PDB file of N, CA and C in Angstrom:
ATOM      1  N   UNK A   1      99.009 -35.877 -35.334  1.00  0.00           N
ATOM      2  CA  UNK A   1      99.680 -36.611 -34.066  1.00  0.00           C
ATOM      3  C   UNK A   1      97.942 -37.181 -33.878  1.00  0.00           C
ATOM      4  N   UNK A   2      98.065 -38.952 -33.497  1.00  0.00           N
ATOM      5  CA  UNK A   2      96.876 -39.721 -33.988  1.00  0.00           C
ATOM      6  C   UNK A   2      95.966 -39.562 -32.796  1.00  0.00           C
ATOM      7  N   UNK A   3      95.011 -39.941 -32.947  1.00  0.00           N
ATOM      8  CA  UNK A   3      93.559 -39.725 -31.727  1.00  0.00           C
ATOM      9  C   UNK A   3      92.637 -40.931 -31.962  1.00  0.00           C
ATOM     10  N   UNK A   4      91.753 -40.780 -31.054  1.00  0.00           N
ATOM     11  CA  UNK A   4      90.565 -41.841 -31.638  1.00  0.00           C
ATOM     12  C   UNK A   4      89.878 -41.799 -30.333  1.00  0.00           C
ATOM     13  N   UNK A   5      88.947 -41.635 -30.997  1.00  0.00           N
ATOM     14  CA  UNK A   5      87.309 -41.667 -29.947  1.00  0.00           C
ATOM     15  C   UNK A   5      86.939 -43.358 -29.972  1.00  0.00           C
ATOM     16  N   UNK A   6      86.411 -43.378 -28.992  1.00  0.00           N
ATOM     17  CA  UNK A   6      85.440 -44.656 -28.773  1.00  0.00           C
ATOM     18  C   UNK A   6      84.846 -45.473 -27.497  1.00  0.00           C
ATOM     19  N   UNK A   7      84.124 -46.279 -27.474  1.00  0.00           N
ATOM     20  CA  UNK A   7      82.880 -45.882 -26.016  1.00  0.00           C
ATOM     21  C   UNK A   7      83.381 -47.285 -25.228  1.00  0.00           C
ATOM     22  N   UNK A   8      83.332 -46.958 -23.566  1.00  0.00           N
ATOM     23  CA  UNK A   8      83.969 -47.520 -23.144  1.00  0.00           C
ATOM     24  C   UNK A   8      82.650 -47.697 -22.008  1.00  0.00           C
ATOM     25  N   UNK A   9      81.808 -49.670 -22.618  1.00  0.00           N
ATOM     26  CA  UNK A   9      80.833 -49.717 -21.997  1.00  0.00           C
ATOM     27  C   UNK A   9      80.733 -49.424 -20.311  1.00  0.00           C
ATOM     28  N   UNK A  10      82.041 -50.253 -19.989  1.00  0.00           N
ATOM     29  CA  UNK A  10      82.326 -49.910 -18.519  1.00  0.00           C
ATOM     30  C   UNK A  10      82.019 -48.721 -17.458  1.00  0.00           C
ATOM     31  N   UNK A  11      81.995 -47.635 -18.206  1.00  0.00           N
ATOM     32  CA  UNK A  11      82.117 -46.060 -17.812  1.00  0.00           C
ATOM     33  C   UNK A  11      80.481 -46.094 -17.142  1.00  0.00           C
ATOM     34  N   UNK A  12      80.684 -46.361 -15.657  1.00  0.00           N
ATOM     35  CA  UNK A  12      79.126 -45.568 -15.348  1.00  0.00           C
ATOM     36  C   UNK A  12      79.359 -44.578 -14.315  1.00  0.00           C
ATOM     37  N   UNK A  13      80.087 -44.152 -13.773  1.00  0.00           N
ATOM     38  CA  UNK A  13      79.926 -43.215 -12.634  1.00  0.00           C
ATOM     39  C   UNK A  13      81.239 -41.793 -12.507  1.00  0.00           C
ATOM     40  N   UNK A  14      81.613 -40.901 -12.205  1.00  0.00           N
ATOM     41  CA  UNK A  14      82.567 -40.031 -12.144  1.00  0.00           C
ATOM     42  C   UNK A  14      83.726 -40.975 -11.660  1.00  0.00           C
ATOM     43  N   UNK A  15      83.987 -41.745 -11.023  1.00  0.00           N
ATOM     44  CA  UNK A  15      85.460 -42.423 -10.671  1.00  0.00           C
ATOM     45  C   UNK A  15      85.180 -43.216 -11.897  1.00  0.00           C
ATOM     46  N   UNK A  16      84.576 -43.894 -12.746  1.00  0.00           N
ATOM     47  CA  UNK A  16      84.883 -44.384 -14.085  1.00  0.00           C
ATOM     48  C   UNK A  16      85.987 -43.802 -14.524  1.00  0.00           C
ATOM     49  N   UNK A  17      85.307 -41.909 -14.966  1.00  0.00           N
ATOM     50  CA  UNK A  17      85.929 -41.694 -15.447  1.00  0.00           C
ATOM     51  C   UNK A  17      87.352 -40.815 -15.391  1.00  0.00           C
ATOM     52  N   UNK A  18      87.998 -40.559 -13.769  1.00  0.00           N
ATOM     53  CA  UNK A  18      88.937 -40.292 -13.448  1.00  0.00           C
ATOM     54  C   UNK A  18      89.941 -41.740 -13.377  1.00  0.00           C
ATOM     55  N   UNK A  19      89.171 -42.309 -13.499  1.00  0.00           N
ATOM     56  CA  UNK A  19      90.215 -43.873 -13.138  1.00  0.00           C
ATOM     57  C   UNK A  19      90.963 -43.834 -14.979  1.00  0.00           C
ATOM     58  N   UNK A  20      89.970 -43.930 -16.021  1.00  0.00           N
ATOM     59  CA  UNK A  20      89.922 -44.008 -17.470  1.00  0.00           C
ATOM     60  C   UNK A  20      90.974 -42.614 -17.481  1.00  0.00           C
ATOM     61  N   UNK A  21      90.780 -41.580 -17.323  1.00  0.00           N
ATOM     62  CA  UNK A  21      91.543 -40.357 -17.429  1.00  0.00           C
ATOM     63  C   UNK A  21      93.048 -40.545 -16.894  1.00  0.00           C
ATOM     64  N   UNK A  22      92.863 -40.997 -15.552  1.00  0.00           N
ATOM     65  CA  UNK A  22      94.344 -40.754 -14.869  1.00  0.00           C
ATOM     66  C   UNK A  22      95.480 -42.058 -15.394  1.00  0.00           C
ATOM     67  N   UNK A  23      94.985 -42.958 -15.488  1.00  0.00           N
ATOM     68  CA  UNK A  23      95.623 -44.051 -16.036  1.00  0.00           C
ATOM     69  C   UNK A  23      96.331 -43.779 -17.340  1.00  0.00           C
ATOM     70  N   UNK A  24      95.366 -43.741 -18.291  1.00  0.00           N
ATOM     71  CA  UNK A  24      96.006 -43.640 -19.704  1.00  0.00           C
ATOM     72  C   UNK A  24      96.391 -42.325 -19.722  1.00  0.00           C
ATOM     73  N   UNK A  25      96.597 -41.821 -18.824  1.00  0.00           N
ATOM     74  CA  UNK A  25      97.247 -39.603 -19.039  1.00  0.00           C
ATOM     75  C   UNK A  25      98.794 -40.270 -18.671  1.00  0.00           C
ATOM     76  N   UNK A  26      99.049 -41.266 -18.250  1.00  0.00           N
ATOM     77  CA  UNK A  26     100.413 -41.827 -17.177  1.00  0.00           C
ATOM     78  C   UNK A  26     101.110 -42.015 -18.340  1.00  0.00           C
ATOM     79  N   UNK A  27     100.520 -43.529 -19.399  1.00  0.00           N
ATOM     80  CA  UNK A  27     100.892 -43.409 -20.124  1.00  0.00           C
ATOM     81  C   UNK A  27     101.923 -42.519 -21.072  1.00  0.00           C
ATOM     82  N   UNK A  28     103.513 -42.816 -21.432  1.00  0.00           N
ATOM     83  CA  UNK A  28     104.584 -42.160 -22.371  1.00  0.00           C
ATOM     84  C   UNK A  28     103.796 -41.738 -23.313  1.00  0.00           C
ATOM     85  N   UNK A  29     103.892 -40.410 -23.891  1.00  0.00           N
ATOM     86  CA  UNK A  29     103.736 -40.190 -25.249  1.00  0.00           C
ATOM     87  C   UNK A  29     101.530 -39.878 -24.972  1.00  0.00           C
ATOM     88  N   UNK A  30     101.183 -39.939 -24.344  1.00  0.00           N
ATOM     89  CA  UNK A  30      99.847 -40.043 -24.162  1.00  0.00           C
ATOM     90  C   UNK A  30      99.872 -38.303 -23.883  1.00  0.00           C
ATOM     91  N   UNK A  31      98.851 -37.619 -25.119  1.00  0.00           N
ATOM     92  CA  UNK A  31      99.151 -35.715 -24.723  1.00  0.00           C
ATOM     93  C   UNK A  31      97.821 -35.300 -23.763  1.00  0.00           C
ATOM     94  N   UNK A  32      96.450 -35.888 -24.671  1.00  0.00           N
ATOM     95  CA  UNK A  32      95.091 -35.521 -23.756  1.00  0.00           C
ATOM     96  C   UNK A  32      94.376 -37.021 -24.055  1.00  0.00           C
ATOM     97  N   UNK A  33      93.360 -36.938 -22.751  1.00  0.00           N
ATOM     98  CA  UNK A  33      92.442 -38.172 -22.378  1.00  0.00           C
ATOM     99  C   UNK A  33      91.340 -37.357 -21.908  1.00  0.00           C
ATOM    100  N   UNK A  34      89.981 -37.406 -22.641  1.00  0.00           N
ATOM    101  CA  UNK A  34      88.831 -37.126 -22.143  1.00  0.00           C
ATOM    102  C   UNK A  34      87.657 -38.200 -21.898  1.00  0.00           C
ATOM    103  N   UNK A  35      87.224 -38.742 -21.256  1.00  0.00           N
ATOM    104  CA  UNK A  35      86.218 -39.291 -20.767  1.00  0.00           C
ATOM    105  C   UNK A  35      85.015 -38.947 -20.650  1.00  0.00           C
ATOM    106  N   UNK A  36      83.683 -39.503 -20.818  1.00  0.00           N
ATOM    107  CA  UNK A  36      82.167 -39.247 -20.280  1.00  0.00           C
ATOM    108  C   UNK A  36      81.553 -40.090 -19.781  1.00  0.00           C
ATOM    109  N   UNK A  37      80.736 -39.805 -18.952  1.00  0.00           N
ATOM    110  CA  UNK A  37      80.238 -40.770 -18.181  1.00  0.00           C
ATOM    111  C   UNK A  37      78.868 -40.696 -18.782  1.00  0.00           C
ATOM    112  N   UNK A  38      78.429 -39.261 -19.149  1.00  0.00           N
ATOM    113  CA  UNK A  38      77.174 -39.565 -19.850  1.00  0.00           C
ATOM    114  C   UNK A  38      77.049 -40.222 -21.419  1.00  0.00           C
ATOM    115  N   UNK A  39      77.587 -40.477 -22.203  1.00  0.00           N
ATOM    116  CA  UNK A  39      78.149 -41.124 -23.833  1.00  0.00           C
ATOM    117  C   UNK A  39      78.790 -42.087 -23.425  1.00  0.00           C
ATOM    118  N   UNK A  40      79.691 -42.621 -22.216  1.00  0.00           N
ATOM    119  CA  UNK A  40      80.361 -43.255 -22.172  1.00  0.00           C
ATOM    120  C   UNK A  40      81.521 -43.177 -23.535  1.00  0.00           C
ATOM    121  N   UNK A  41      81.790 -42.681 -23.675  1.00  0.00           N
ATOM    122  CA  UNK A  41      82.770 -42.236 -24.812  1.00  0.00           C
ATOM    123  C   UNK A  41      84.340 -41.687 -24.043  1.00  0.00           C
ATOM    124  N   UNK A  42      85.669 -41.830 -25.244  1.00  0.00           N
ATOM    125  CA  UNK A  42      86.676 -41.313 -24.336  1.00  0.00           C
ATOM    126  C   UNK A  42      87.757 -41.404 -25.807  1.00  0.00           C
ATOM    127  N   UNK A  43      88.171 -40.532 -25.824  1.00  0.00           N
ATOM    128  CA  UNK A  43      89.263 -39.979 -26.812  1.00  0.00           C
ATOM    129  C   UNK A  43      90.717 -39.771 -25.939  1.00  0.00           C
ATOM    130  N   UNK A  44      91.317 -40.299 -27.233  1.00  0.00           N
ATOM    131  CA  UNK A  44      92.728 -40.155 -26.733  1.00  0.00           C
ATOM    132  C   UNK A  44      93.416 -39.575 -28.050  1.00  0.00           C
ATOM    133  N   UNK A  45      94.614 -38.472 -27.324  1.00  0.00           N
ATOM    134  CA  UNK A  45      95.309 -38.314 -28.353  1.00  0.00           C
ATOM    135  C   UNK A  45      97.059 -38.952 -28.044  1.00  0.00           C
ATOM    136  N   UNK A  46      97.636 -39.327 -29.206  1.00  0.00           N
ATOM    137  CA  UNK A  46      99.184 -39.451 -28.749  1.00  0.00           C
ATOM    138  C   UNK A  46     100.115 -39.347 -29.841  1.00  0.00           C
ATOM    139  N   UNK A  47     101.082 -39.701 -29.271  1.00  0.00           N
ATOM    140  CA  UNK A  47     102.259 -40.038 -30.160  1.00  0.00           C
ATOM    141  C   UNK A  47     103.576 -40.847 -29.809  1.00  0.00           C
ATOM    142  N   UNK A  48     104.236 -40.786 -30.313  1.00  0.00           N
ATOM    143  CA  UNK A  48     105.252 -41.517 -29.882  1.00  0.00           C
ATOM    144  C   UNK A  48     105.662 -41.158 -29.245  1.00  0.00           C
ATOM    145  N   UNK A  49     106.207 -42.099 -28.169  1.00  0.00           N
ATOM    146  CA  UNK A  49     106.098 -43.725 -28.143  1.00  0.00           C
ATOM    147  C   UNK A  49     104.912 -44.509 -27.614  1.00  0.00           C
ATOM    148  N   UNK A  50     103.689 -43.596 -27.484  1.00  0.00           N
ATOM    149  CA  UNK A  50     102.547 -44.687 -27.108  1.00  0.00           C
ATOM    150  C   UNK A  50     102.025 -44.881 -28.604  1.00  0.00           C
ATOM    151  N   UNK A  51     101.101 -46.003 -28.381  1.00  0.00           N
ATOM    152  CA  UNK A  51     100.554 -47.072 -29.526  1.00  0.00           C
ATOM    153  C   UNK A  51      99.119 -47.373 -28.928  1.00  0.00           C
ATOM    154  N   UNK A  52      98.228 -47.404 -30.097  1.00  0.00           N
ATOM    155  CA  UNK A  52      97.046 -47.665 -30.031  1.00  0.00           C
ATOM    156  C   UNK A  52      96.959 -49.123 -29.309  1.00  0.00           C
ATOM    157  N   UNK A  53      97.597 -49.954 -29.444  1.00  0.00           N
ATOM    158  CA  UNK A  53      98.072 -50.956 -28.567  1.00  0.00           C
ATOM    159  C   UNK A  53      98.386 -50.960 -27.563  1.00  0.00           C
ATOM    160  N   UNK A  54      99.219 -50.323 -27.093  1.00  0.00           N
ATOM    161  CA  UNK A  54      99.688 -49.922 -25.961  1.00  0.00           C
ATOM    162  C   UNK A  54      98.028 -49.838 -24.988  1.00  0.00           C
ATOM    163  N   UNK A  55      97.436 -48.074 -25.056  1.00  0.00           N
ATOM    164  CA  UNK A  55      97.022 -47.956 -24.918  1.00  0.00           C
ATOM    165  C   UNK A  55      94.967 -48.861 -24.327  1.00  0.00           C
ATOM    166  N   UNK A  56      94.814 -49.847 -25.488  1.00  0.00           N
ATOM    167  CA  UNK A  56      94.055 -50.214 -25.328  1.00  0.00           C
ATOM    168  C   UNK A  56      94.145 -51.491 -24.404  1.00  0.00           C
ATOM    169  N   UNK A  57      95.808 -52.009 -24.234  1.00  0.00           N
ATOM    170  CA  UNK A  57      95.991 -52.787 -23.185  1.00  0.00           C
ATOM    171  C   UNK A  57      95.908 -52.805 -21.572  1.00  0.00           C
ATOM    172  N   UNK A  58      96.168 -51.322 -21.797  1.00  0.00           N
ATOM    173  CA  UNK A  58      95.747 -50.470 -20.479  1.00  0.00           C
ATOM    174  C   UNK A  58      94.615 -50.882 -19.964  1.00  0.00           C
ATOM    175  N   UNK A  59      93.892 -50.208 -21.048  1.00  0.00           N
ATOM    176  CA  UNK A  59      92.549 -49.966 -20.645  1.00  0.00           C
ATOM    177  C   UNK A  59      91.801 -51.553 -20.327  1.00  0.00           C
ATOM    178  N   UNK A  60      91.895 -52.885 -20.756  1.00  0.00           N
ATOM    179  CA  UNK A  60      91.654 -54.131 -20.970  1.00  0.00           C
ATOM    180  C   UNK A  60      92.107 -54.466 -19.499  1.00  0.00           C
ATOM    181  N   UNK A  61      93.296 -53.732 -18.913  1.00  0.00           N
ATOM    182  CA  UNK A  61      93.883 -54.935 -17.889  1.00  0.00           C
ATOM    183  C   UNK A  61      93.267 -53.579 -16.433  1.00  0.00           C
ATOM    184  N   UNK A  62      93.046 -52.413 -16.529  1.00  0.00           N
ATOM    185  CA  UNK A  62      92.159 -51.529 -15.809  1.00  0.00           C
ATOM    186  C   UNK A  62      90.990 -51.831 -15.285  1.00  0.00           C
ATOM    187  N   UNK A  63      90.289 -53.242 -16.096  1.00  0.00           N
ATOM    188  CA  UNK A  63      89.202 -53.603 -16.563  1.00  0.00           C
ATOM    189  C   UNK A  63      88.131 -51.925 -17.203  1.00  0.00           C
ATOM    190  N   UNK A  64      88.658 -51.519 -18.101  1.00  0.00           N
ATOM    191  CA  UNK A  64      87.473 -50.165 -18.908  1.00  0.00           C
ATOM    192  C   UNK A  64      88.020 -50.632 -20.279  1.00  0.00           C
ATOM    193  N   UNK A  65      87.500 -51.769 -20.559  1.00  0.00           N
ATOM    194  CA  UNK A  65      87.703 -52.081 -22.454  1.00  0.00           C
ATOM    195  C   UNK A  65      87.603 -51.494 -23.004  1.00  0.00           C
ATOM    196  N   UNK A  66      87.855 -50.862 -24.222  1.00  0.00           N
ATOM    197  CA  UNK A  66      86.406 -50.507 -25.230  1.00  0.00           C
ATOM    198  C   UNK A  66      86.061 -51.504 -26.198  1.00  0.00           C
ATOM    199  N   UNK A  67      84.921 -51.136 -26.630  1.00  0.00           N
ATOM    200  CA  UNK A  67      83.926 -51.925 -26.860  1.00  0.00           C
ATOM    201  C   UNK A  67      84.485 -52.809 -27.933  1.00  0.00           C
ATOM    202  N   UNK A  68      83.676 -54.008 -28.310  1.00  0.00           N
ATOM    203  CA  UNK A  68      84.435 -55.016 -29.106  1.00  0.00           C
ATOM    204  C   UNK A  68      83.949 -53.605 -30.587  1.00  0.00           C
ATOM    205  N   UNK A  69      85.008 -54.698 -31.533  1.00  0.00           N
ATOM    206  CA  UNK A  69      84.902 -53.898 -32.569  1.00  0.00           C
ATOM    207  C   UNK A  69      85.878 -52.618 -32.774  1.00  0.00           C
ATOM    208  N   UNK A  70      86.518 -51.824 -31.645  1.00  0.00           N
ATOM    209  CA  UNK A  70      87.214 -50.657 -31.473  1.00  0.00           C
ATOM    210  C   UNK A  70      88.546 -51.425 -32.308  1.00  0.00           C
ATOM    211  N   UNK A  71      89.105 -50.703 -32.931  1.00  0.00           N
ATOM    212  CA  UNK A  71      90.574 -51.266 -33.449  1.00  0.00           C
ATOM    213  C   UNK A  71      91.495 -49.889 -33.681  1.00  0.00           C
TER     214      UNK A  71
END
């Protein structure tokens, strides 16, 4: 199962963490999402039909884009 850990610089509070976790977990195929206010890191585990491109696009749409260079 693919997984990725990456920085999301826009995470600044507990509400940000909940938003990222709730929104990403609603994508079909996403099995786990964990975000940290302290480190601004997010870990996502997924399987088909989810893809990294879908997860990335959703994070951009909700204004929590991964740090530049995350691919």
